[in-house]
Amino acid sequence: MLNRFLTKPWGSLIWTVLIFFLLTINTGSIESVPLLGIKHLDKLVHIFLFGTQYILWALFLDAKMKITLPVLLGLFIAVSGYGIGMEFYQDLFTTREFELADIFADAAGALLGGLYIGAKNKPLWK
């Protein structure tokens, strides 16, 4: 049942909307509070969110086409671009601020997601 759900766009779309919601809610000064004693926990959350987004979209695309290196690179650009867009959106339309470190964390998550999918689908060039 889960596999059938992942081959449809709904899981990917729901996750993308969840990211939008989480990155636009007013968090106040939560960044200054060391949650669970983990420094830079918010960056780890960004890595998790965007890595999962990459993997979900890759699983959906894998059901529709062959996963190749150009597909993985295009997905990396799309997911990273979404992260960049979210930072600009936060700066313009919310009380949150633009953070370059968040963009790097988003791209790192997308990269880790790509490496995971690439490792599961090797060799990519055939």
N, C-alpha and C. Protein backbone atom coordinates (compact mmCIF):
# COMPACT_ATOMS: atom_id res chain seq x y z
N MET A 1 0.82 -1.19 0.00
CA MET A 1 0.00 0.00 0.00
C MET A 1 0.87 1.26 0.00
N LEU A 2 1.95 1.26 0.83
CA LEU A 2 2.85 2.41 0.88
C LEU A 2 3.53 2.61 -0.47
N ASN A 3 3.94 1.49 -1.10
CA ASN A 3 4.61 1.59 -2.40
C ASN A 3 3.67 2.20 -3.44
N ARG A 4 2.41 1.82 -3.39
CA ARG A 4 1.43 2.39 -4.32
C ARG A 4 1.25 3.88 -4.08
N PHE A 5 1.25 4.29 -2.82
CA PHE A 5 1.12 5.70 -2.46
C PHE A 5 2.33 6.49 -2.94
N LEU A 6 3.52 5.91 -2.83
CA LEU A 6 4.75 6.62 -3.22
C LEU A 6 4.90 6.75 -4.72
N THR A 7 4.20 5.94 -5.49
CA THR A 7 4.29 6.05 -6.95
C THR A 7 3.32 7.10 -7.49
N LYS A 8 2.50 7.67 -6.64
CA LYS A 8 1.61 8.77 -7.01
C LYS A 8 2.22 10.07 -6.50
N PRO A 9 1.82 11.20 -7.06
CA PRO A 9 2.43 12.47 -6.64
C PRO A 9 1.98 12.97 -5.27
N TRP A 10 0.97 12.33 -4.66
CA TRP A 10 0.38 12.89 -3.45
C TRP A 10 1.35 12.97 -2.28
N GLY A 11 2.13 11.95 -2.06
CA GLY A 11 3.09 11.99 -0.95
C GLY A 11 4.10 13.11 -1.11
N SER A 12 4.60 13.26 -2.33
CA SER A 12 5.57 14.32 -2.61
C SER A 12 4.95 15.70 -2.46
N LEU A 13 3.74 15.85 -2.97
CA LEU A 13 3.05 17.15 -2.87
C LEU A 13 2.72 17.50 -1.42
N ILE A 14 2.24 16.53 -0.67
CA ILE A 14 1.92 16.77 0.75
C ILE A 14 3.18 17.17 1.50
N TRP A 15 4.30 16.49 1.25
CA TRP A 15 5.56 16.83 1.92
C TRP A 15 6.02 18.24 1.54
N THR A 16 5.86 18.60 0.27
CA THR A 16 6.26 19.93 -0.19
C THR A 16 5.42 21.01 0.48
N VAL A 17 4.12 20.76 0.62
CA VAL A 17 3.25 21.71 1.32
C VAL A 17 3.61 21.77 2.80
N LEU A 18 3.94 20.63 3.40
CA LEU A 18 4.36 20.61 4.81
C LEU A 18 5.61 21.46 5.01
N ILE A 19 6.56 21.35 4.10
CA ILE A 19 7.77 22.18 4.18
C ILE A 19 7.38 23.65 4.12
N PHE A 20 6.49 24.01 3.20
CA PHE A 20 6.05 25.40 3.08
C PHE A 20 5.46 25.87 4.40
N PHE A 21 4.59 25.06 4.99
CA PHE A 21 3.96 25.43 6.26
C PHE A 21 4.99 25.59 7.36
N LEU A 22 5.87 24.62 7.50
CA LEU A 22 6.87 24.66 8.59
C LEU A 22 7.84 25.83 8.45
N LEU A 23 8.16 26.21 7.22
CA LEU A 23 9.13 27.28 7.01
C LEU A 23 8.49 28.67 6.98
N THR A 24 7.17 28.72 7.08
CA THR A 24 6.52 30.04 7.08
C THR A 24 5.82 30.36 8.39
N ILE A 25 5.72 29.40 9.31
CA ILE A 25 5.09 29.72 10.59
C ILE A 25 6.02 30.62 11.41
N ASN A 26 5.42 31.43 12.23
CA ASN A 26 6.20 32.32 13.09
C ASN A 26 6.79 31.49 14.23
N THR A 27 8.10 31.41 14.25
CA THR A 27 8.77 30.62 15.29
C THR A 27 9.27 31.47 16.43
N GLY A 28 9.10 32.78 16.35
CA GLY A 28 9.60 33.65 17.40
C GLY A 28 11.11 33.55 17.48
N SER A 29 11.61 33.28 18.65
CA SER A 29 13.06 33.21 18.83
C SER A 29 13.50 31.78 19.08
N ILE A 30 12.84 30.82 18.43
CA ILE A 30 13.17 29.41 18.66
C ILE A 30 14.59 29.08 18.24
N GLU A 31 15.13 29.81 17.25
CA GLU A 31 16.49 29.54 16.80
C GLU A 31 17.51 29.79 17.90
N SER A 32 17.19 30.68 18.83
CA SER A 32 18.14 31.00 19.89
C SER A 32 18.06 30.03 21.06
N VAL A 33 17.05 29.16 21.06
CA VAL A 33 16.89 28.17 22.13
C VAL A 33 17.54 26.87 21.69
N PRO A 34 18.55 26.40 22.40
CA PRO A 34 19.19 25.14 22.00
C PRO A 34 18.30 23.95 22.36
N LEU A 35 17.48 23.52 21.41
CA LEU A 35 16.56 22.41 21.64
C LEU A 35 17.33 21.11 21.80
N LEU A 36 16.98 20.37 22.80
CA LEU A 36 17.59 19.07 23.07
C LEU A 36 19.10 19.14 23.25
N GLY A 37 19.62 20.35 23.47
CA GLY A 37 21.06 20.51 23.63
C GLY A 37 21.85 20.35 22.35
N ILE A 38 21.17 20.36 21.20
CA ILE A 38 21.84 20.18 19.91
C ILE A 38 22.01 21.54 19.26
N LYS A 39 23.26 21.93 19.07
CA LYS A 39 23.54 23.20 18.41
C LYS A 39 23.19 23.09 16.93
N HIS A 40 22.58 24.12 16.39
CA HIS A 40 22.17 24.19 14.98
C HIS A 40 21.16 23.11 14.61
N LEU A 41 20.28 22.78 15.54
CA LEU A 41 19.25 21.77 15.26
C LEU A 41 18.39 22.18 14.08
N ASP A 42 18.15 23.48 13.92
CA ASP A 42 17.32 23.93 12.80
C ASP A 42 17.94 23.57 11.46
N LYS A 43 19.26 23.55 11.36
CA LYS A 43 19.92 23.18 10.10
C LYS A 43 19.75 21.68 9.84
N LEU A 44 19.78 20.88 10.89
CA LEU A 44 19.55 19.44 10.74
C LEU A 44 18.11 19.18 10.29
N VAL A 45 17.18 19.99 10.77
CA VAL A 45 15.79 19.86 10.35
C VAL A 45 15.68 20.20 8.86
N HIS A 46 16.36 21.24 8.41
CA HIS A 46 16.35 21.59 6.98
C HIS A 46 16.92 20.44 6.15
N ILE A 47 18.01 19.86 6.59
CA ILE A 47 18.61 18.73 5.86
C ILE A 47 17.62 17.57 5.76
N PHE A 48 16.95 17.26 6.87
CA PHE A 48 15.96 16.18 6.88
C PHE A 48 14.79 16.50 5.96
N LEU A 49 14.24 17.71 6.06
CA LEU A 49 13.07 18.08 5.25
C LEU A 49 13.37 17.99 3.75
N PHE A 50 14.49 18.56 3.33
CA PHE A 50 14.79 18.61 1.91
C PHE A 50 15.37 17.29 1.39
N GLY A 51 16.04 16.54 2.22
CA GLY A 51 16.48 15.21 1.83
C GLY A 51 15.29 14.29 1.60
N THR A 52 14.32 14.36 2.50
CA THR A 52 13.10 13.56 2.35
C THR A 52 12.30 14.01 1.13
N GLN A 53 12.24 15.32 0.90
CA GLN A 53 11.54 15.82 -0.27
C GLN A 53 12.18 15.26 -1.54
N TYR A 54 13.50 15.27 -1.60
CA TYR A 54 14.21 14.74 -2.76
C TYR A 54 13.86 13.26 -2.96
N ILE A 55 13.94 12.49 -1.90
CA ILE A 55 13.69 11.05 -2.00
C ILE A 55 12.25 10.77 -2.44
N LEU A 56 11.28 11.48 -1.87
CA LEU A 56 9.89 11.25 -2.25
C LEU A 56 9.64 11.58 -3.72
N TRP A 57 10.18 12.70 -4.20
CA TRP A 57 10.01 13.04 -5.61
C TRP A 57 10.74 12.05 -6.50
N ALA A 58 11.91 11.57 -6.07
CA ALA A 58 12.65 10.59 -6.87
C ALA A 58 11.89 9.27 -6.96
N LEU A 59 11.26 8.85 -5.87
CA LEU A 59 10.47 7.61 -5.90
C LEU A 59 9.28 7.75 -6.84
N PHE A 60 8.64 8.92 -6.82
CA PHE A 60 7.54 9.17 -7.75
C PHE A 60 8.03 9.14 -9.20
N LEU A 61 9.15 9.84 -9.45
CA LEU A 61 9.68 9.89 -10.82
C LEU A 61 10.15 8.51 -11.29
N ASP A 62 10.67 7.71 -10.36
CA ASP A 62 11.15 6.38 -10.71
C ASP A 62 10.01 5.50 -11.21
N ALA A 63 8.81 5.74 -10.72
CA ALA A 63 7.65 4.97 -11.18
C ALA A 63 7.20 5.43 -12.57
N LYS A 64 7.62 6.63 -12.98
CA LYS A 64 7.18 7.18 -14.26
C LYS A 64 8.24 7.09 -15.35
N MET A 65 9.52 7.08 -14.97
CA MET A 65 10.61 7.08 -15.96
C MET A 65 11.83 6.41 -15.35
N LYS A 66 12.82 6.17 -16.18
CA LYS A 66 14.06 5.60 -15.68
C LYS A 66 14.87 6.69 -14.99
N ILE A 67 15.33 6.39 -13.78
CA ILE A 67 16.16 7.34 -13.04
C ILE A 67 17.56 7.32 -13.65
N THR A 68 17.96 8.47 -14.18
CA THR A 68 19.29 8.63 -14.78
C THR A 68 19.99 9.78 -14.07
N LEU A 69 21.25 9.94 -14.35
CA LEU A 69 22.00 11.02 -13.75
C LEU A 69 21.41 12.40 -14.08
N PRO A 70 21.02 12.67 -15.34
CA PRO A 70 20.38 13.97 -15.61
C PRO A 70 19.08 14.18 -14.82
N VAL A 71 18.31 13.12 -14.62
CA VAL A 71 17.08 13.24 -13.82
C VAL A 71 17.43 13.59 -12.37
N LEU A 72 18.44 12.93 -11.82
CA LEU A 72 18.86 13.21 -10.45
C LEU A 72 19.38 14.64 -10.31
N LEU A 73 20.15 15.09 -11.30
CA LEU A 73 20.67 16.46 -11.25
C LEU A 73 19.55 17.48 -11.38
N GLY A 74 18.60 17.22 -12.26
CA GLY A 74 17.45 18.12 -12.40
C GLY A 74 16.63 18.18 -11.13
N LEU A 75 16.46 17.05 -10.49
CA LEU A 75 15.72 17.02 -9.22
C LEU A 75 16.49 17.76 -8.13
N PHE A 76 17.81 17.62 -8.13
CA PHE A 76 18.63 18.37 -7.17
C PHE A 76 18.43 19.87 -7.36
N ILE A 77 18.45 20.31 -8.59
CA ILE A 77 18.26 21.74 -8.88
C ILE A 77 16.86 22.19 -8.45
N ALA A 78 15.85 21.36 -8.72
CA ALA A 78 14.48 21.72 -8.36
C ALA A 78 14.30 21.81 -6.84
N VAL A 79 14.79 20.82 -6.11
CA VAL A 79 14.63 20.81 -4.65
C VAL A 79 15.45 21.94 -4.02
N SER A 80 16.67 22.12 -4.48
CA SER A 80 17.49 23.22 -3.96
C SER A 80 16.86 24.57 -4.31
N GLY A 81 16.32 24.68 -5.51
CA GLY A 81 15.65 25.91 -5.92
C GLY A 81 14.44 26.21 -5.06
N TYR A 82 13.72 25.17 -4.67
CA TYR A 82 12.58 25.35 -3.76
C TYR A 82 13.07 25.90 -2.42
N GLY A 83 14.19 25.38 -1.94
CA GLY A 83 14.77 25.89 -0.69
C GLY A 83 15.17 27.35 -0.80
N ILE A 84 15.77 27.72 -1.92
CA ILE A 84 16.16 29.11 -2.14
C ILE A 84 14.91 29.99 -2.18
N GLY A 85 13.92 29.54 -2.91
CA GLY A 85 12.67 30.29 -3.00
C GLY A 85 12.00 30.47 -1.65
N MET A 86 12.06 29.44 -0.82
CA MET A 86 11.46 29.53 0.51
C MET A 86 12.17 30.57 1.36
N GLU A 87 13.48 30.68 1.23
CA GLU A 87 14.21 31.69 2.00
C GLU A 87 13.80 33.11 1.58
N PHE A 88 13.66 33.34 0.29
CA PHE A 88 13.20 34.65 -0.17
C PHE A 88 11.77 34.91 0.29
N TYR A 89 10.92 33.88 0.22
CA TYR A 89 9.53 34.02 0.67
C TYR A 89 9.49 34.38 2.15
N GLN A 90 10.28 33.68 2.96
CA GLN A 90 10.33 33.98 4.40
C GLN A 90 10.72 35.43 4.64
N ASP A 91 11.72 35.89 3.92
CA ASP A 91 12.22 37.25 4.12
C ASP A 91 11.18 38.30 3.71
N LEU A 92 10.44 38.03 2.64
CA LEU A 92 9.50 39.02 2.12
C LEU A 92 8.13 38.98 2.78
N PHE A 93 7.65 37.81 3.16
CA PHE A 93 6.25 37.68 3.57
C PHE A 93 6.02 37.15 4.98
N THR A 94 7.07 36.85 5.72
CA THR A 94 6.89 36.36 7.09
C THR A 94 7.77 37.17 8.03
N THR A 95 7.69 36.83 9.31
CA THR A 95 8.55 37.49 10.29
C THR A 95 9.91 36.81 10.37
N ARG A 96 10.10 35.75 9.61
CA ARG A 96 11.38 35.05 9.60
C ARG A 96 12.34 35.74 8.66
N GLU A 97 13.63 35.45 8.83
CA GLU A 97 14.66 36.13 8.04
C GLU A 97 15.32 35.18 7.06
N PHE A 98 15.87 35.76 6.00
CA PHE A 98 16.66 35.04 5.00
C PHE A 98 17.95 34.58 5.67
N GLU A 99 18.27 33.29 5.53
CA GLU A 99 19.52 32.76 6.07
C GLU A 99 20.23 31.94 4.99
N LEU A 100 21.42 32.37 4.65
CA LEU A 100 22.21 31.66 3.66
C LEU A 100 22.55 30.25 4.16
N ALA A 101 22.74 30.11 5.46
CA ALA A 101 23.05 28.79 6.02
C ALA A 101 21.90 27.81 5.81
N ASP A 102 20.67 28.31 5.81
CA ASP A 102 19.52 27.45 5.54
C ASP A 102 19.54 26.95 4.10
N ILE A 103 19.96 27.80 3.17
CA ILE A 103 20.05 27.39 1.77
C ILE A 103 21.08 26.27 1.63
N PHE A 104 22.22 26.41 2.30
CA PHE A 104 23.23 25.36 2.26
C PHE A 104 22.72 24.07 2.89
N ALA A 105 21.95 24.19 3.98
CA ALA A 105 21.37 23.00 4.61
C ALA A 105 20.34 22.34 3.70
N ASP A 106 19.53 23.14 3.01
CA ASP A 106 18.55 22.60 2.06
C ASP A 106 19.26 21.84 0.94
N ALA A 107 20.30 22.46 0.38
CA ALA A 107 21.06 21.82 -0.70
C ALA A 107 21.78 20.57 -0.21
N ALA A 108 22.27 20.60 1.02
CA ALA A 108 22.93 19.42 1.60
C ALA A 108 21.92 18.28 1.74
N GLY A 109 20.71 18.60 2.16
CA GLY A 109 19.66 17.58 2.26
C GLY A 109 19.34 17.00 0.90
N ALA A 110 19.21 17.87 -0.11
CA ALA A 110 18.94 17.38 -1.47
C ALA A 110 20.09 16.52 -1.97
N LEU A 111 21.31 16.92 -1.68
CA LEU A 111 22.48 16.13 -2.09
C LEU A 111 22.48 14.76 -1.43
N LEU A 112 22.21 14.71 -0.13
CA LEU A 112 22.16 13.43 0.58
C LEU A 112 21.04 12.55 0.03
N GLY A 113 19.89 13.15 -0.26
CA GLY A 113 18.80 12.40 -0.88
C GLY A 113 19.21 11.85 -2.23
N GLY A 114 19.92 12.67 -3.01
CA GLY A 114 20.39 12.22 -4.32
C GLY A 114 21.41 11.09 -4.22
N LEU A 115 22.30 11.20 -3.26
CA LEU A 115 23.28 10.13 -3.07
C LEU A 115 22.61 8.83 -2.65
N TYR A 116 21.59 8.94 -1.81
CA TYR A 116 20.84 7.75 -1.39
C TYR A 116 20.15 7.10 -2.59
N ILE A 117 19.43 7.89 -3.36
CA ILE A 117 18.73 7.36 -4.52
C ILE A 117 19.72 6.84 -5.56
N GLY A 118 20.80 7.59 -5.78
CA GLY A 118 21.82 7.15 -6.74
C GLY A 118 22.43 5.83 -6.34
N ALA A 119 22.70 5.64 -5.05
CA ALA A 119 23.28 4.39 -4.58
C ALA A 119 22.33 3.22 -4.76
N LYS A 120 21.03 3.48 -4.60
CA LYS A 120 20.04 2.42 -4.76
C LYS A 120 19.77 2.08 -6.22
N ASN A 121 20.09 2.98 -7.14
CA ASN A 121 19.80 2.79 -8.55
C ASN A 121 21.04 2.72 -9.43
N LYS A 122 22.16 2.29 -8.88
CA LYS A 122 23.36 2.24 -9.69
C LYS A 122 23.36 1.02 -10.58
N PRO A 123 24.00 1.02 -11.69
CA PRO A 123 24.68 2.16 -12.30
C PRO A 123 23.69 3.08 -13.00
N LEU A 124 23.85 4.36 -12.87
CA LEU A 124 22.92 5.35 -13.40
C LEU A 124 23.09 5.58 -14.90
N TRP A 125 24.21 5.21 -15.44
CA TRP A 125 24.50 5.54 -16.84
C TRP A 125 24.00 4.49 -17.81
N LYS A 126 23.37 3.42 -17.35
CA LYS A 126 22.84 2.39 -18.26
C LYS A 126 21.38 2.58 -18.52
